[in-house]
Amino acid sequence: MKTLFIGGIKSGKSRNAEIYIKKLTNKKPLYLATTQFIDDEMKADCKTFSTIKT
């Protein structure tokens, strides 16, 4: 099964996806995130996110 969560920056997509997948299975979710690094804040957020999710 594939499910796509879309939304703006910091709209809660990851949180909503985690809640959704945890209701369906106990397997570790696979994350696919795409973005453009617009500024240093965005770069830092992406680095933090990837550290938390691995």
N, C-alpha and C. Protein backbone atom coordinates (compact mmCIF):
# COMPACT_ATOMS: atom_id res chain seq x y z
N MET A 1 0.84 -1.17 0.00
CA MET A 1 0.00 0.00 0.00
C MET A 1 0.89 1.24 0.00
N LYS A 2 0.50 2.23 -0.75
CA LYS A 2 1.21 3.51 -0.80
C LYS A 2 0.21 4.60 -0.48
N THR A 3 0.61 5.50 0.40
CA THR A 3 -0.23 6.63 0.78
C THR A 3 0.62 7.89 0.69
N LEU A 4 0.08 8.93 0.11
CA LEU A 4 0.79 10.19 -0.07
C LEU A 4 0.17 11.25 0.83
N PHE A 5 1.00 11.90 1.63
CA PHE A 5 0.58 13.02 2.46
C PHE A 5 1.21 14.28 1.87
N ILE A 6 0.38 15.25 1.55
CA ILE A 6 0.90 16.49 0.99
C ILE A 6 0.46 17.66 1.84
N GLY A 7 1.23 18.74 1.77
CA GLY A 7 0.91 19.94 2.52
C GLY A 7 2.08 20.90 2.49
N GLY A 8 1.89 22.02 3.09
CA GLY A 8 2.92 23.05 3.12
C GLY A 8 4.03 22.74 4.11
N ILE A 9 5.00 23.62 4.16
CA ILE A 9 6.12 23.49 5.07
C ILE A 9 5.60 23.52 6.50
N LYS A 10 6.08 22.57 7.32
CA LYS A 10 5.71 22.47 8.74
C LYS A 10 4.21 22.36 8.94
N SER A 11 3.53 21.63 8.05
CA SER A 11 2.08 21.48 8.16
C SER A 11 1.67 20.22 8.92
N GLY A 12 2.65 19.41 9.35
CA GLY A 12 2.34 18.22 10.11
C GLY A 12 2.22 16.96 9.28
N LYS A 13 2.75 16.98 8.06
CA LYS A 13 2.65 15.81 7.19
C LYS A 13 3.27 14.57 7.82
N SER A 14 4.47 14.70 8.34
CA SER A 14 5.16 13.55 8.92
C SER A 14 4.41 13.01 10.14
N ARG A 15 3.97 13.90 10.99
CA ARG A 15 3.23 13.49 12.18
C ARG A 15 1.95 12.76 11.79
N ASN A 16 1.21 13.31 10.85
CA ASN A 16 -0.03 12.67 10.40
C ASN A 16 0.24 11.32 9.74
N ALA A 17 1.32 11.23 8.99
CA ALA A 17 1.67 9.96 8.34
C ALA A 17 2.04 8.91 9.38
N GLU A 18 2.78 9.31 10.41
CA GLU A 18 3.15 8.37 11.46
C GLU A 18 1.92 7.85 12.20
N ILE A 19 1.00 8.72 12.53
CA ILE A 19 -0.24 8.31 13.20
C ILE A 19 -1.00 7.34 12.32
N TYR A 20 -1.10 7.65 11.05
CA TYR A 20 -1.83 6.82 10.09
C TYR A 20 -1.21 5.42 9.99
N ILE A 21 0.11 5.36 9.81
CA ILE A 21 0.75 4.06 9.60
C ILE A 21 0.74 3.22 10.87
N LYS A 22 0.85 3.86 12.03
CA LYS A 22 0.84 3.12 13.30
C LYS A 22 -0.51 2.47 13.56
N LYS A 23 -1.57 3.02 12.98
CA LYS A 23 -2.89 2.41 13.10
C LYS A 23 -3.01 1.16 12.23
N LEU A 24 -2.22 1.08 11.16
CA LEU A 24 -2.31 -0.02 10.21
C LEU A 24 -1.36 -1.18 10.49
N THR A 25 -0.16 -0.87 11.01
CA THR A 25 0.85 -1.91 11.15
C THR A 25 1.85 -1.52 12.23
N ASN A 26 2.64 -2.49 12.65
CA ASN A 26 3.70 -2.19 13.62
C ASN A 26 5.07 -2.16 12.93
N LYS A 27 5.09 -2.21 11.62
CA LYS A 27 6.35 -2.13 10.87
C LYS A 27 6.89 -0.70 10.87
N LYS A 28 8.19 -0.59 10.73
CA LYS A 28 8.84 0.72 10.66
C LYS A 28 8.47 1.38 9.34
N PRO A 29 7.99 2.62 9.37
CA PRO A 29 7.61 3.28 8.12
C PRO A 29 8.83 3.68 7.29
N LEU A 30 8.61 3.81 5.99
CA LEU A 30 9.62 4.28 5.06
C LEU A 30 9.28 5.74 4.72
N TYR A 31 10.25 6.61 4.86
CA TYR A 31 10.03 8.04 4.60
C TYR A 31 10.64 8.44 3.26
N LEU A 32 9.89 9.21 2.52
CA LEU A 32 10.39 9.81 1.29
C LEU A 32 10.02 11.28 1.36
N ALA A 33 11.01 12.12 1.49
CA ALA A 33 10.76 13.56 1.61
C ALA A 33 11.52 14.29 0.51
N THR A 34 10.87 15.26 -0.09
CA THR A 34 11.52 16.06 -1.12
C THR A 34 11.38 17.53 -0.75
N THR A 35 12.37 18.30 -1.07
CA THR A 35 12.33 19.74 -0.81
C THR A 35 13.43 20.43 -1.59
N GLN A 36 13.37 21.71 -1.56
CA GLN A 36 14.46 22.54 -2.06
C GLN A 36 15.03 23.28 -0.86
N PHE A 37 16.35 23.28 -0.74
CA PHE A 37 16.98 23.96 0.38
C PHE A 37 17.04 25.46 0.09
N ILE A 38 16.06 26.17 0.60
CA ILE A 38 15.92 27.59 0.31
C ILE A 38 16.85 28.43 1.17
N ASP A 39 17.02 28.03 2.43
CA ASP A 39 17.84 28.82 3.34
C ASP A 39 18.47 27.90 4.39
N ASP A 40 19.27 28.50 5.28
CA ASP A 40 19.97 27.72 6.30
C ASP A 40 19.01 27.07 7.29
N GLU A 41 17.89 27.74 7.59
CA GLU A 41 16.91 27.16 8.51
C GLU A 41 16.34 25.87 7.93
N MET A 42 16.04 25.87 6.65
CA MET A 42 15.50 24.68 5.98
C MET A 42 16.53 23.55 6.01
N LYS A 43 17.79 23.87 5.76
CA LYS A 43 18.84 22.86 5.81
C LYS A 43 18.93 22.24 7.20
N ALA A 44 18.87 23.06 8.23
CA ALA A 44 18.95 22.57 9.61
C ALA A 44 17.74 21.70 9.95
N ASP A 45 16.55 22.11 9.53
CA ASP A 45 15.34 21.33 9.78
C ASP A 45 15.43 19.96 9.12
N CYS A 46 15.91 19.90 7.89
CA CYS A 46 16.03 18.64 7.17
C CYS A 46 17.05 17.72 7.83
N LYS A 47 18.15 18.29 8.29
CA LYS A 47 19.16 17.49 8.98
C LYS A 47 18.60 16.93 10.27
N THR A 48 17.88 17.73 11.03
CA THR A 48 17.24 17.26 12.26
C THR A 48 16.24 16.18 11.99
N PHE A 49 15.40 16.36 10.98
CA PHE A 49 14.37 15.39 10.63
C PHE A 49 15.00 14.06 10.25
N SER A 50 16.04 14.09 9.41
CA SER A 50 16.65 12.84 8.97
C SER A 50 17.34 12.12 10.12
N THR A 51 17.86 12.85 11.08
CA THR A 51 18.49 12.24 12.25
C THR A 51 17.45 11.55 13.12
N ILE A 52 16.32 12.18 13.32
CA ILE A 52 15.24 11.64 14.14
C ILE A 52 14.63 10.40 13.49
N LYS A 53 14.47 10.39 12.20
CA LYS A 53 13.75 9.34 11.50
C LYS A 53 14.58 8.12 11.15
N THR A 54 15.90 8.14 11.39
CA THR A 54 16.72 6.98 11.05
C THR A 54 16.89 6.05 12.22
